[in-house]
Amino acid sequence: MKKFLTLIIGLVLSLTSFAQYSKPIEYPKFEVDSNGQQVLVMTIEQAQALDNATDLLIMLEKLNTQMGDYDSVCVKVINDKDKVIASQKMEIAKLKESLDNKDNQIEALQGEIASYLRKIIILEAEVANRQKVIDEKNLQIRSLKTKMVFGGIGGGVAVIGLVLGLILVH
């Protein structure tokens, strides 16, 4: 029986000690105060962490508004960039069109130059041919003048000879 009593005392003591240390108090927790209002009970470390979190929340909200401003600036810059790109594309298209137009004008002018060069060659050939014709005509005129002079002298001598012959015969 002594053993049994010792066993029961040991069990009672162990149960009481286990009951006191078995469940630690967990914070935060809700309690009702003496006025009947619900209150929140927490440790100092938890309160400090909560305070730091609210400070961080305020900072994040400020950062969020600044990021919103930054986003609007970025959107404006992107829109301006798009406008500049669009205007530059239009200018590039105009310059390409102008370049094509100038190339066409250059080709047309080169064609006109080639045509003028051909005309000059043809005109020089015609001038050379006319000079040959003029030279031939000059030779013919000289020979005709020579024939005329000799014919005139010969005809004059013949007429004079005839007149003298008639005078002498009579």
N, C-alpha and C. Protein backbone atom coordinates (compact mmCIF):
# COMPACT_ATOMS: atom_id res chain seq x y z
N MET A 1 0.79 -1.15 0.00
CA MET A 1 0.00 0.00 0.00
C MET A 1 0.86 1.25 0.00
N LYS A 2 1.93 1.19 0.62
CA LYS A 2 2.83 2.31 0.62
C LYS A 2 3.25 2.64 -0.79
N LYS A 3 3.46 1.64 -1.53
CA LYS A 3 3.86 1.86 -2.91
C LYS A 3 2.74 2.51 -3.72
N PHE A 4 1.56 2.04 -3.39
CA PHE A 4 0.42 2.58 -4.10
C PHE A 4 0.21 4.04 -3.74
N LEU A 5 0.37 4.39 -2.51
CA LEU A 5 0.24 5.76 -2.06
C LEU A 5 1.31 6.66 -2.66
N THR A 6 2.48 6.17 -2.71
CA THR A 6 3.58 6.91 -3.31
C THR A 6 3.29 7.14 -4.79
N LEU A 7 2.75 6.17 -5.39
CA LEU A 7 2.42 6.29 -6.81
C LEU A 7 1.33 7.33 -7.01
N ILE A 8 0.34 7.35 -6.19
CA ILE A 8 -0.75 8.31 -6.33
C ILE A 8 -0.24 9.72 -6.04
N ILE A 9 0.60 9.88 -5.02
CA ILE A 9 1.14 11.20 -4.70
C ILE A 9 2.01 11.68 -5.87
N GLY A 10 2.78 10.77 -6.39
CA GLY A 10 3.63 11.13 -7.54
C GLY A 10 2.79 11.55 -8.74
N LEU A 11 1.70 10.86 -8.96
CA LEU A 11 0.82 11.22 -10.08
C LEU A 11 0.16 12.56 -9.85
N VAL A 12 -0.28 12.83 -8.67
CA VAL A 12 -0.94 14.09 -8.36
C VAL A 12 0.04 15.23 -8.51
N LEU A 13 1.24 15.05 -7.98
CA LEU A 13 2.25 16.11 -8.11
C LEU A 13 2.64 16.36 -9.57
N SER A 14 2.78 15.31 -10.32
CA SER A 14 3.16 15.48 -11.73
C SER A 14 2.02 16.12 -12.52
N LEU A 15 0.78 15.78 -12.19
CA LEU A 15 -0.35 16.40 -12.89
C LEU A 15 -0.46 17.88 -12.56
N THR A 16 -0.23 18.23 -11.33
CA THR A 16 -0.31 19.65 -10.96
C THR A 16 0.82 20.44 -11.61
N SER A 17 1.99 19.88 -11.61
CA SER A 17 3.11 20.60 -12.25
C SER A 17 2.90 20.67 -13.78
N PHE A 18 2.36 19.63 -14.32
CA PHE A 18 2.09 19.63 -15.77
C PHE A 18 1.00 20.63 -16.12
N ALA A 19 0.01 20.78 -15.27
CA ALA A 19 -1.10 21.69 -15.51
C ALA A 19 -0.62 23.14 -15.46
N GLN A 20 0.36 23.45 -14.60
CA GLN A 20 0.85 24.82 -14.49
C GLN A 20 1.72 25.21 -15.70
N TYR A 21 2.51 24.29 -16.20
CA TYR A 21 3.47 24.63 -17.25
C TYR A 21 3.10 24.08 -18.62
N SER A 22 2.00 23.54 -18.79
CA SER A 22 1.68 22.88 -20.05
C SER A 22 1.30 23.86 -21.17
N LYS A 23 0.70 24.99 -20.86
CA LYS A 23 0.18 25.86 -21.90
C LYS A 23 0.71 27.28 -21.69
N PRO A 24 1.62 27.74 -22.57
CA PRO A 24 2.08 29.13 -22.43
C PRO A 24 1.01 30.07 -23.00
N ILE A 25 1.01 31.31 -22.54
CA ILE A 25 0.03 32.29 -22.99
C ILE A 25 0.50 32.83 -24.34
N GLU A 26 -0.42 32.86 -25.32
CA GLU A 26 -0.07 33.34 -26.65
C GLU A 26 -0.65 34.73 -26.84
N TYR A 27 0.19 35.60 -27.32
CA TYR A 27 -0.22 36.97 -27.59
C TYR A 27 -0.13 37.21 -29.09
N PRO A 28 -0.84 38.10 -29.66
CA PRO A 28 -1.88 38.97 -29.11
C PRO A 28 -3.17 38.18 -28.86
N LYS A 29 -3.95 38.72 -27.96
CA LYS A 29 -5.22 38.08 -27.66
C LYS A 29 -6.25 39.15 -27.30
N PHE A 30 -7.49 38.80 -27.52
CA PHE A 30 -8.59 39.72 -27.20
C PHE A 30 -9.07 39.41 -25.78
N GLU A 31 -9.33 40.48 -25.03
CA GLU A 31 -9.89 40.35 -23.67
C GLU A 31 -10.96 41.42 -23.49
N VAL A 32 -11.74 41.25 -22.49
CA VAL A 32 -12.78 42.23 -22.14
C VAL A 32 -12.32 42.92 -20.87
N ASP A 33 -12.29 44.28 -20.92
CA ASP A 33 -11.83 45.01 -19.73
C ASP A 33 -12.97 45.18 -18.73
N SER A 34 -12.71 45.97 -17.71
CA SER A 34 -13.70 46.14 -16.65
C SER A 34 -14.92 46.93 -17.12
N ASN A 35 -14.77 47.74 -18.20
CA ASN A 35 -15.92 48.49 -18.73
C ASN A 35 -16.72 47.67 -19.73
N GLY A 36 -16.25 46.49 -20.05
CA GLY A 36 -16.95 45.62 -20.97
C GLY A 36 -16.53 45.82 -22.42
N GLN A 37 -15.49 46.62 -22.63
CA GLN A 37 -15.00 46.84 -23.99
C GLN A 37 -13.96 45.79 -24.33
N GLN A 38 -13.94 45.42 -25.60
CA GLN A 38 -12.93 44.46 -26.03
C GLN A 38 -11.61 45.20 -26.24
N VAL A 39 -10.53 44.60 -25.75
CA VAL A 39 -9.20 45.19 -25.90
C VAL A 39 -8.28 44.12 -26.47
N LEU A 40 -7.21 44.60 -27.08
CA LEU A 40 -6.21 43.71 -27.66
C LEU A 40 -4.98 43.77 -26.78
N VAL A 41 -4.52 42.63 -26.32
CA VAL A 41 -3.35 42.54 -25.45
C VAL A 41 -2.23 41.92 -26.27
N MET A 42 -1.04 42.62 -26.29
CA MET A 42 0.11 42.08 -27.03
C MET A 42 1.38 42.41 -26.29
N THR A 43 2.46 41.78 -26.70
CA THR A 43 3.75 42.01 -26.07
C THR A 43 4.37 43.28 -26.62
N ILE A 44 5.39 43.78 -25.90
CA ILE A 44 6.08 44.99 -26.34
C ILE A 44 6.74 44.75 -27.70
N GLU A 45 7.33 43.58 -27.88
CA GLU A 45 7.96 43.27 -29.16
C GLU A 45 6.95 43.28 -30.30
N GLN A 46 5.76 42.72 -30.03
CA GLN A 46 4.72 42.72 -31.06
C GLN A 46 4.26 44.15 -31.35
N ALA A 47 4.12 44.99 -30.33
CA ALA A 47 3.70 46.37 -30.53
C ALA A 47 4.75 47.13 -31.35
N GLN A 48 6.05 46.89 -31.02
CA GLN A 48 7.12 47.55 -31.77
C GLN A 48 7.11 47.10 -33.23
N ALA A 49 6.90 45.81 -33.46
CA ALA A 49 6.84 45.30 -34.84
C ALA A 49 5.67 45.91 -35.59
N LEU A 50 4.53 46.06 -34.90
CA LEU A 50 3.36 46.67 -35.51
C LEU A 50 3.63 48.14 -35.83
N ASP A 51 4.30 48.86 -34.91
CA ASP A 51 4.64 50.27 -35.14
C ASP A 51 5.59 50.39 -36.34
N ASN A 52 6.58 49.51 -36.38
CA ASN A 52 7.51 49.53 -37.53
C ASN A 52 6.77 49.25 -38.83
N ALA A 53 5.82 48.33 -38.78
CA ALA A 53 5.06 47.99 -39.98
C ALA A 53 4.21 49.17 -40.43
N THR A 54 3.63 49.93 -39.47
CA THR A 54 2.83 51.09 -39.89
C THR A 54 3.72 52.18 -40.46
N ASP A 55 4.93 52.35 -39.86
CA ASP A 55 5.88 53.31 -40.44
C ASP A 55 6.25 52.89 -41.85
N LEU A 56 6.48 51.62 -42.01
CA LEU A 56 6.83 51.09 -43.33
C LEU A 56 5.66 51.26 -44.30
N LEU A 57 4.44 51.08 -43.80
CA LEU A 57 3.25 51.27 -44.63
C LEU A 57 3.15 52.71 -45.11
N ILE A 58 3.42 53.67 -44.19
CA ILE A 58 3.39 55.10 -44.57
C ILE A 58 4.44 55.37 -45.65
N MET A 59 5.62 54.82 -45.43
CA MET A 59 6.68 55.01 -46.44
C MET A 59 6.29 54.39 -47.78
N LEU A 60 5.69 53.22 -47.74
CA LEU A 60 5.28 52.55 -48.98
C LEU A 60 4.18 53.34 -49.68
N GLU A 61 3.27 53.94 -48.90
CA GLU A 61 2.22 54.76 -49.51
C GLU A 61 2.82 56.00 -50.18
N LYS A 62 3.80 56.64 -49.51
CA LYS A 62 4.49 57.78 -50.13
C LYS A 62 5.21 57.34 -51.40
N LEU A 63 5.87 56.20 -51.30
CA LEU A 63 6.58 55.66 -52.47
C LEU A 63 5.60 55.34 -53.58
N ASN A 64 4.43 54.84 -53.22
CA ASN A 64 3.41 54.52 -54.22
C ASN A 64 2.96 55.78 -54.95
N THR A 65 2.74 56.89 -54.20
CA THR A 65 2.34 58.13 -54.87
C THR A 65 3.48 58.65 -55.74
N GLN A 66 4.72 58.53 -55.24
CA GLN A 66 5.87 58.97 -56.05
C GLN A 66 6.00 58.10 -57.29
N MET A 67 5.76 56.81 -57.13
CA MET A 67 5.83 55.90 -58.29
C MET A 67 4.72 56.23 -59.28
N GLY A 68 3.55 56.64 -58.77
CA GLY A 68 2.47 57.06 -59.67
C GLY A 68 2.89 58.29 -60.47
N ASP A 69 3.51 59.27 -59.77
CA ASP A 69 4.01 60.45 -60.48
C ASP A 69 5.08 60.05 -61.49
N TYR A 70 5.96 59.15 -61.07
CA TYR A 70 7.03 58.69 -61.96
C TYR A 70 6.43 57.95 -63.17
N ASP A 71 5.40 57.15 -62.91
CA ASP A 71 4.73 56.44 -64.01
C ASP A 71 4.11 57.42 -64.99
N SER A 72 3.46 58.49 -64.47
CA SER A 72 2.84 59.46 -65.38
C SER A 72 3.91 60.19 -66.19
N VAL A 73 5.05 60.48 -65.56
CA VAL A 73 6.15 61.11 -66.29
C VAL A 73 6.66 60.16 -67.36
N CYS A 74 6.80 58.89 -67.01
CA CYS A 74 7.28 57.89 -67.98
C CYS A 74 6.30 57.77 -69.16
N VAL A 75 5.01 57.75 -68.84
CA VAL A 75 4.00 57.65 -69.90
C VAL A 75 4.09 58.87 -70.81
N LYS A 76 4.26 60.06 -70.20
CA LYS A 76 4.38 61.29 -71.00
C LYS A 76 5.62 61.23 -71.88
N VAL A 77 6.74 60.78 -71.31
CA VAL A 77 7.97 60.68 -72.10
C VAL A 77 7.80 59.68 -73.24
N ILE A 78 7.15 58.57 -72.97
CA ILE A 78 6.92 57.56 -74.01
C ILE A 78 6.01 58.12 -75.10
N ASN A 79 4.96 58.85 -74.70
CA ASN A 79 4.07 59.46 -75.70
C ASN A 79 4.82 60.48 -76.54
N ASP A 80 5.65 61.31 -75.86
CA ASP A 80 6.45 62.28 -76.60
C ASP A 80 7.41 61.58 -77.55
N LYS A 81 8.00 60.49 -77.09
CA LYS A 81 8.92 59.72 -77.93
C LYS A 81 8.18 59.16 -79.14
N ASP A 82 6.98 58.68 -78.92
CA ASP A 82 6.18 58.15 -80.03
C ASP A 82 5.86 59.24 -81.04
N LYS A 83 5.54 60.45 -80.53
CA LYS A 83 5.27 61.57 -81.43
C LYS A 83 6.50 61.93 -82.23
N VAL A 84 7.65 61.97 -81.56
CA VAL A 84 8.91 62.30 -82.25
C VAL A 84 9.22 61.24 -83.30
N ILE A 85 9.04 59.99 -82.94
CA ILE A 85 9.31 58.90 -83.90
C ILE A 85 8.38 59.02 -85.09
N ALA A 86 7.11 59.31 -84.84
CA ALA A 86 6.15 59.43 -85.94
C ALA A 86 6.53 60.60 -86.85
N SER A 87 6.90 61.74 -86.25
CA SER A 87 7.28 62.88 -87.09
C SER A 87 8.57 62.59 -87.85
N GLN A 88 9.51 61.88 -87.20
CA GLN A 88 10.75 61.53 -87.90
C GLN A 88 10.48 60.54 -89.02
N LYS A 89 9.55 59.63 -88.82
CA LYS A 89 9.20 58.70 -89.89
C LYS A 89 8.62 59.46 -91.07
N MET A 90 7.78 60.48 -90.78
CA MET A 90 7.21 61.28 -91.86
C MET A 90 8.31 62.06 -92.58
N GLU A 91 9.24 62.62 -91.82
CA GLU A 91 10.34 63.37 -92.43
C GLU A 91 11.21 62.44 -93.26
N ILE A 92 11.48 61.25 -92.76
CA ILE A 92 12.29 60.28 -93.50
C ILE A 92 11.57 59.90 -94.80
N ALA A 93 10.26 59.70 -94.71
CA ALA A 93 9.50 59.36 -95.93
C ALA A 93 9.57 60.50 -96.93
N LYS A 94 9.44 61.75 -96.44
CA LYS A 94 9.54 62.90 -97.35
C LYS A 94 10.92 62.98 -97.96
N LEU A 95 11.95 62.75 -97.14
CA LEU A 95 13.32 62.81 -97.66
C LEU A 95 13.57 61.70 -98.68
N LYS A 96 13.03 60.51 -98.42
CA LYS A 96 13.18 59.42 -99.40
C LYS A 96 12.46 59.77 -100.70
N GLU A 97 11.27 60.36 -100.57
CA GLU A 97 10.53 60.77 -101.75
C GLU A 97 11.30 61.85 -102.51
N SER A 98 11.86 62.79 -101.76
CA SER A 98 12.66 63.86 -102.38
C SER A 98 13.88 63.27 -103.05
N LEU A 99 14.50 62.29 -102.40
CA LEU A 99 15.68 61.63 -102.97
C LEU A 99 15.32 60.90 -104.26
N ASP A 100 14.18 60.19 -104.23
CA ASP A 100 13.73 59.51 -105.45
C ASP A 100 13.43 60.52 -106.55
N ASN A 101 12.80 61.63 -106.18
CA ASN A 101 12.48 62.68 -107.15
C ASN A 101 13.77 63.25 -107.73
N LYS A 102 14.76 63.49 -106.88
CA LYS A 102 16.03 64.03 -107.36
C LYS A 102 16.73 63.02 -108.27
N ASP A 103 16.65 61.73 -107.89
CA ASP A 103 17.25 60.70 -108.76
C ASP A 103 16.58 60.71 -110.13
N ASN A 104 15.26 60.83 -110.15
CA ASN A 104 14.53 60.88 -111.42
C ASN A 104 14.92 62.12 -112.22
N GLN A 105 15.05 63.25 -111.53
CA GLN A 105 15.46 64.47 -112.21
C GLN A 105 16.88 64.34 -112.77
N ILE A 106 17.77 63.72 -111.99
CA ILE A 106 19.14 63.51 -112.46
C ILE A 106 19.15 62.62 -113.69
N GLU A 107 18.37 61.54 -113.65
CA GLU A 107 18.29 60.65 -114.81
C GLU A 107 17.74 61.39 -116.03
N ALA A 108 16.71 62.22 -115.82
CA ALA A 108 16.13 62.99 -116.94
C ALA A 108 17.16 63.96 -117.50
N LEU A 109 17.88 64.64 -116.61
CA LEU A 109 18.90 65.59 -117.07
C LEU A 109 20.05 64.87 -117.78
N GLN A 110 20.42 63.70 -117.29
CA GLN A 110 21.47 62.93 -117.96
C GLN A 110 21.00 62.50 -119.35
N GLY A 111 19.72 62.15 -119.47
CA GLY A 111 19.16 61.81 -120.78
C GLY A 111 19.19 63.01 -121.71
N GLU A 112 18.85 64.20 -121.16
CA GLU A 112 18.89 65.41 -121.99
C GLU A 112 20.32 65.72 -122.43
N ILE A 113 21.27 65.54 -121.51
CA ILE A 113 22.68 65.78 -121.86
C ILE A 113 23.12 64.83 -122.96
N ALA A 114 22.76 63.56 -122.82
CA ALA A 114 23.12 62.58 -123.86
C ALA A 114 22.47 62.97 -125.19
N SER A 115 21.22 63.42 -125.14
CA SER A 115 20.54 63.84 -126.37
C SER A 115 21.24 65.04 -126.99
N TYR A 116 21.64 66.03 -126.15
CA TYR A 116 22.36 67.20 -126.68
C TYR A 116 23.71 66.79 -127.27
N LEU A 117 24.38 65.84 -126.61
CA LEU A 117 25.67 65.39 -127.15
C LEU A 117 25.48 64.72 -128.50
N ARG A 118 24.44 63.92 -128.64
CA ARG A 118 24.16 63.28 -129.93
C ARG A 118 23.84 64.35 -130.98
N LYS A 119 23.05 65.35 -130.59
CA LYS A 119 22.72 66.42 -131.53
C LYS A 119 23.97 67.18 -131.95
N ILE A 120 24.87 67.43 -130.99
CA ILE A 120 26.12 68.13 -131.31
C ILE A 120 26.95 67.32 -132.30
N ILE A 121 27.04 66.00 -132.07
CA ILE A 121 27.81 65.14 -132.98
C ILE A 121 27.18 65.18 -134.37
N ILE A 122 25.84 65.09 -134.42
CA ILE A 122 25.15 65.13 -135.72
C ILE A 122 25.38 66.48 -136.39
N LEU A 123 25.28 67.59 -135.62
CA LEU A 123 25.48 68.92 -136.19
C LEU A 123 26.92 69.09 -136.68
N GLU A 124 27.89 68.58 -135.92
CA GLU A 124 29.28 68.67 -136.36
C GLU A 124 29.49 67.89 -137.66
N ALA A 125 28.82 66.72 -137.75
CA ALA A 125 28.92 65.95 -138.99
C ALA A 125 28.29 66.72 -140.15
N GLU A 126 27.14 67.35 -139.89
CA GLU A 126 26.49 68.13 -140.95
C GLU A 126 27.35 69.33 -141.35
N VAL A 127 27.97 69.99 -140.36
CA VAL A 127 28.85 71.12 -140.67
C VAL A 127 30.02 70.65 -141.51
N ALA A 128 30.60 69.49 -141.16
CA ALA A 128 31.72 68.95 -141.94
C ALA A 128 31.27 68.63 -143.36
N ASN A 129 30.08 68.04 -143.51
CA ASN A 129 29.55 67.74 -144.85
C ASN A 129 29.30 69.02 -145.63
N ARG A 130 28.76 70.03 -145.00
CA ARG A 130 28.49 71.30 -145.70
C ARG A 130 29.79 71.97 -146.10
N GLN A 131 30.80 71.83 -145.22
CA GLN A 131 32.09 72.41 -145.59
C GLN A 131 32.65 71.72 -146.83
N LYS A 132 32.47 70.40 -146.90
CA LYS A 132 32.91 69.67 -148.10
C LYS A 132 32.15 70.16 -149.32
N VAL A 133 30.84 70.34 -149.17
CA VAL A 133 30.01 70.84 -150.27
C VAL A 133 30.46 72.23 -150.67
N ILE A 134 30.73 73.08 -149.68
CA ILE A 134 31.19 74.44 -149.96
C ILE A 134 32.53 74.41 -150.69
N ASP A 135 33.43 73.54 -150.20
CA ASP A 135 34.75 73.43 -150.86
C ASP A 135 34.58 72.96 -152.30
N GLU A 136 33.70 71.98 -152.53
CA GLU A 136 33.46 71.50 -153.89
C GLU A 136 32.87 72.61 -154.76
N LYS A 137 31.93 73.36 -154.21
CA LYS A 137 31.31 74.46 -154.96
C LYS A 137 32.36 75.53 -155.27
N ASN A 138 33.23 75.83 -154.30
CA ASN A 138 34.29 76.81 -154.55
C ASN A 138 35.20 76.35 -155.68
N LEU A 139 35.54 75.04 -155.71
CA LEU A 139 36.37 74.50 -156.79
C LEU A 139 35.65 74.64 -158.12
N GLN A 140 34.35 74.34 -158.12
CA GLN A 140 33.58 74.46 -159.37
C GLN A 140 33.53 75.92 -159.82
N ILE A 141 33.34 76.83 -158.84
CA ILE A 141 33.27 78.25 -159.18
C ILE A 141 34.61 78.71 -159.75
N ARG A 142 35.71 78.28 -159.15
CA ARG A 142 37.03 78.67 -159.67
C ARG A 142 37.23 78.16 -161.09
N SER A 143 36.86 76.88 -161.26
CA SER A 143 37.06 76.34 -162.62
C SER A 143 36.16 77.07 -163.62
N LEU A 144 34.95 77.41 -163.20
CA LEU A 144 34.06 78.15 -164.10
C LEU A 144 34.59 79.56 -164.36
N LYS A 145 35.15 80.19 -163.31
CA LYS A 145 35.74 81.52 -163.50
C LYS A 145 36.92 81.43 -164.46
N THR A 146 37.73 80.38 -164.25
CA THR A 146 38.89 80.21 -165.13
C THR A 146 38.41 80.00 -166.56
N LYS A 147 37.43 79.15 -166.74
CA LYS A 147 36.90 78.90 -168.08
C LYS A 147 36.30 80.17 -168.66
N MET A 148 35.62 80.94 -167.76
CA MET A 148 35.01 82.17 -168.21
C MET A 148 36.08 83.18 -168.66
N VAL A 149 37.13 83.26 -167.87
CA VAL A 149 38.19 84.20 -168.22
C VAL A 149 38.83 83.77 -169.53
N PHE A 150 39.20 82.49 -169.59
CA PHE A 150 39.83 82.02 -170.82
C PHE A 150 38.83 82.05 -171.98
N GLY A 151 37.60 81.73 -171.70
CA GLY A 151 36.57 81.77 -172.76
C GLY A 151 36.33 83.21 -173.19
N GLY A 152 36.32 84.12 -172.23
CA GLY A 152 36.09 85.52 -172.54
C GLY A 152 37.25 86.08 -173.36
N ILE A 153 38.46 85.72 -172.93
CA ILE A 153 39.64 86.19 -173.67
C ILE A 153 39.64 85.53 -175.03
N GLY A 154 39.41 84.22 -175.02
CA GLY A 154 39.40 83.50 -176.32
C GLY A 154 38.29 84.00 -177.21
N GLY A 155 37.13 84.26 -176.67
CA GLY A 155 36.00 84.76 -177.46
C GLY A 155 36.27 86.18 -177.93
N GLY A 156 36.91 86.98 -177.05
CA GLY A 156 37.23 88.35 -177.43
C GLY A 156 38.26 88.37 -178.55
N VAL A 157 39.25 87.49 -178.46
CA VAL A 157 40.26 87.40 -179.52
C VAL A 157 39.59 86.92 -180.78
N ALA A 158 38.69 85.99 -180.68
CA ALA A 158 38.02 85.48 -181.87
C ALA A 158 37.16 86.57 -182.47
N VAL A 159 36.49 87.32 -181.70
CA VAL A 159 35.63 88.39 -182.22
C VAL A 159 36.52 89.46 -182.84
N ILE A 160 37.59 89.81 -182.16
CA ILE A 160 38.49 90.82 -182.70
C ILE A 160 39.10 90.28 -184.00
N GLY A 161 39.50 89.03 -183.95
CA GLY A 161 40.08 88.42 -185.16
C GLY A 161 39.06 88.41 -186.29
N LEU A 162 37.90 88.14 -186.02
CA LEU A 162 36.84 88.13 -187.01
C LEU A 162 36.60 89.55 -187.54
N VAL A 163 36.53 90.45 -186.66
CA VAL A 163 36.29 91.84 -187.06
C VAL A 163 37.51 92.28 -187.90
N LEU A 164 38.69 91.97 -187.51
CA LEU A 164 39.87 92.34 -188.28
C LEU A 164 39.88 91.58 -189.60
N GLY A 165 39.54 90.37 -189.56
CA GLY A 165 39.49 89.59 -190.80
C GLY A 165 38.45 90.16 -191.73
N LEU A 166 37.36 90.62 -191.27
CA LEU A 166 36.33 91.20 -192.11
C LEU A 166 36.80 92.59 -192.59
N ILE A 167 37.44 93.24 -191.76
CA ILE A 167 37.93 94.55 -192.17
C ILE A 167 39.01 94.32 -193.23
N LEU A 168 39.83 93.44 -193.05
CA LEU A 168 40.90 93.19 -194.02
C LEU A 168 40.29 92.60 -195.30
N VAL A 169 39.39 91.93 -195.26
CA VAL A 169 38.79 91.34 -196.43
C VAL A 169 37.98 92.45 -197.12
N HIS A 170 37.65 93.27 -196.70
CA HIS A 170 36.91 94.30 -197.35
C HIS A 170 37.72 95.43 -197.61
